[in-house]
Amino acid sequence: MSAPDTPAAAPAARPAPQPRSSYPVFRTISTRWSDNDVYGHVNNVVYYSWFDTAVNAHLIDEGVLDIHAGETIGLVIETQCNYFASLAFPQMVEAGIRVARLGTSSVRYEVGLFAQGEPLSAAAGHFVHVYVDRATRRPVPLPDALRQALQRLVVA
């Protein structure tokens, strides 16, 4: 017996490079010699490190993240990256940061990685932080100062 005919699901839209105008804030990150892999470009795992570096450095600069003594910390629960063009040492990378979703205790950050001066992202990805009490590791509402800083990064 064969399965009944069912309509095929529409294919998901293929991710595309993002323009710089999609991101309200940028941070410059220097590639390192050790970032390149045997194929002559930055290894894919480094991109995730750049996501963390860009977002956390921005929050530290805004005065809303104390990585050593803050009572609230963000734990990553989801991450993804799409690659569009190679990056390689000794390029400078410009990381665009935006907030796509601001919840009660969670934030979806989206980061575009651009070769210096390029109009479209070489990679674009996201990660979701759930903010928790440092001691109990239980979710807590975003502190007001953090929420205000993140609100400035929210895009439609």
Protein backbone atom coordinates (compact mmCIF):
# COMPACT_ATOMS: atom_id res chain seq x y z
CA MET A 1 0.00 0.00 0.00
CA SER A 2 1.43 3.37 -0.92
CA ALA A 3 1.16 6.59 1.05
CA PRO A 4 -1.58 8.98 -0.07
CA ASP A 5 -0.55 11.91 -2.16
CA THR A 6 0.18 14.95 -0.03
CA PRO A 7 1.11 18.40 -1.22
CA ALA A 8 4.81 19.10 -1.02
CA ALA A 9 5.88 21.74 1.45
CA ALA A 10 7.18 24.94 -0.08
CA PRO A 11 10.97 25.15 0.16
CA ALA A 12 12.30 27.56 2.79
CA ALA A 13 13.70 30.81 1.50
CA ARG A 14 17.45 30.57 1.08
CA PRO A 15 19.30 32.88 3.48
CA ALA A 16 20.91 35.88 1.79
CA PRO A 17 23.70 38.29 2.70
CA GLN A 18 22.50 41.29 4.68
CA PRO A 19 23.29 44.95 3.93
CA ARG A 20 25.03 47.13 6.51
CA SER A 21 21.87 49.16 6.93
CA SER A 22 20.28 46.14 8.66
CA TYR A 23 22.43 46.66 11.76
CA PRO A 24 22.35 49.68 14.10
CA VAL A 25 25.73 49.06 15.80
CA PHE A 26 29.12 47.80 14.57
CA ARG A 27 32.27 46.49 16.27
CA THR A 28 35.59 45.91 14.52
CA ILE A 29 37.33 42.59 15.14
CA SER A 30 40.84 41.72 13.98
CA THR A 31 41.38 38.32 12.43
CA ARG A 32 44.33 36.35 13.78
CA TRP A 33 46.84 34.12 12.04
CA SER A 34 45.42 31.12 13.90
CA ASP A 35 41.87 31.82 12.63
CA ASN A 36 42.72 30.48 9.15
CA ASP A 37 42.34 26.79 8.48
CA VAL A 38 44.12 24.55 5.97
CA TYR A 39 41.77 25.78 3.23
CA GLY A 40 43.10 29.33 3.54
CA HIS A 41 40.06 31.00 5.13
CA VAL A 42 38.70 31.56 8.61
CA ASN A 43 37.40 28.31 10.08
CA ASN A 44 33.65 28.19 10.67
CA VAL A 45 33.92 27.81 14.46
CA VAL A 46 35.64 31.21 14.72
CA TYR A 47 32.50 32.96 13.47
CA TYR A 48 30.63 31.87 16.61
CA SER A 49 33.41 33.32 18.75
CA TRP A 50 33.04 36.61 16.88
CA PHE A 51 29.29 36.63 17.61
CA ASP A 52 30.00 36.33 21.35
CA THR A 53 32.84 38.84 21.22
CA ALA A 54 30.82 41.49 19.38
CA VAL A 55 27.69 41.27 21.54
CA ASN A 56 29.38 40.90 24.92
CA ALA A 57 31.96 43.64 24.24
CA HIS A 58 29.12 45.96 23.22
CA LEU A 59 27.18 45.19 26.43
CA ILE A 60 30.31 45.71 28.55
CA ASP A 61 30.97 49.06 26.83
CA GLU A 62 27.34 50.06 27.49
CA GLY A 63 27.91 49.31 31.19
CA VAL A 64 25.15 46.68 31.35
CA LEU A 65 27.24 43.50 31.59
CA ASP A 66 29.65 42.70 34.41
CA ILE A 67 31.19 39.35 33.47
CA HIS A 68 32.98 39.01 36.81
CA ALA A 69 30.48 40.06 39.46
CA GLY A 70 27.12 40.67 37.77
CA GLU A 71 24.16 38.89 39.33
CA THR A 72 22.59 38.22 35.90
CA ILE A 73 24.38 36.32 33.12
CA GLY A 74 23.33 35.23 29.64
CA LEU A 75 23.48 31.55 28.64
CA VAL A 76 23.35 30.59 24.97
CA ILE A 77 20.51 28.18 24.18
CA GLU A 78 20.49 28.39 20.37
CA THR A 79 22.87 29.47 17.64
CA GLN A 80 23.09 29.40 13.85
CA CYS A 81 25.25 30.85 11.09
CA ASN A 82 24.93 31.13 7.31
CA TYR A 83 28.07 31.70 5.24
CA PHE A 84 28.11 33.72 2.02
CA ALA A 85 31.75 34.69 1.36
CA SER A 86 35.14 33.74 2.78
CA LEU A 87 37.02 35.82 5.31
CA ALA A 88 40.74 35.32 5.96
CA PHE A 89 43.67 36.67 7.98
CA PRO A 90 44.77 39.51 7.80
CA GLN A 91 41.34 41.04 7.09
CA MET A 92 39.52 43.22 9.58
CA VAL A 93 35.96 42.10 10.27
CA GLU A 94 33.11 44.48 11.09
CA ALA A 95 30.37 42.83 13.14
CA GLY A 96 26.92 44.38 12.86
CA ILE A 97 24.66 43.76 15.87
CA ARG A 98 20.88 43.87 16.17
CA VAL A 99 18.18 42.45 18.42
CA ALA A 100 15.41 40.58 16.62
CA ARG A 101 13.43 39.56 19.71
CA LEU A 102 13.44 40.97 23.20
CA GLY A 103 11.56 38.79 25.67
CA THR A 104 11.11 38.82 29.43
CA SER A 105 14.30 36.86 30.14
CA SER A 106 15.63 36.07 26.65
CA VAL A 107 17.11 37.92 23.69
CA ARG A 108 17.68 36.86 20.10
CA TYR A 109 20.80 38.62 18.86
CA GLU A 110 21.54 38.71 15.14
CA VAL A 111 25.04 39.42 13.92
CA GLY A 112 26.28 40.17 10.42
CA LEU A 113 29.99 39.72 9.75
CA PHE A 114 31.40 41.98 7.04
CA ALA A 115 34.84 42.20 5.46
CA GLN A 116 36.00 45.74 6.20
CA GLY A 117 34.21 48.18 3.92
CA GLU A 118 32.11 45.57 2.11
CA PRO A 119 28.40 46.39 1.62
CA LEU A 120 27.02 42.86 2.22
CA SER A 121 27.68 40.39 5.01
CA ALA A 122 30.11 37.52 4.47
CA ALA A 123 28.14 35.65 7.14
CA ALA A 124 24.99 36.24 9.14
CA GLY A 125 23.78 34.40 12.17
CA HIS A 126 22.02 34.53 15.47
CA PHE A 127 22.14 33.31 18.99
CA VAL A 128 19.62 33.36 21.81
CA HIS A 129 20.63 34.24 25.35
CA VAL A 130 18.44 33.33 28.29
CA TYR A 131 19.36 35.58 31.19
CA VAL A 132 19.66 33.75 34.50
CA ASP A 133 20.65 34.39 38.09
CA ARG A 134 24.39 33.68 38.33
CA ALA A 135 24.00 31.59 41.51
CA THR A 136 20.82 29.61 40.83
CA ARG A 137 21.00 29.44 37.01
CA ARG A 138 17.23 30.08 36.94
CA PRO A 139 15.79 32.54 34.38
CA VAL A 140 15.23 36.08 35.63
CA PRO A 141 13.69 39.16 34.00
CA LEU A 142 16.20 41.34 32.14
CA PRO A 143 17.53 44.08 34.40
CA ASP A 144 16.13 47.51 33.43
CA ALA A 145 19.49 48.95 32.30
CA LEU A 146 20.14 45.91 30.07
CA ARG A 147 16.63 46.08 28.60
CA GLN A 148 17.10 49.78 27.79
CA ALA A 149 20.45 49.12 26.07
CA LEU A 150 18.98 46.23 24.09
CA GLN A 151 15.88 48.23 23.08
CA ARG A 152 18.21 50.54 21.10
CA LEU A 153 19.28 47.51 19.02
CA VAL A 154 15.80 46.19 18.22
CA VAL A 155 14.97 46.12 14.50
CA ALA A 156 11.62 45.45 12.89
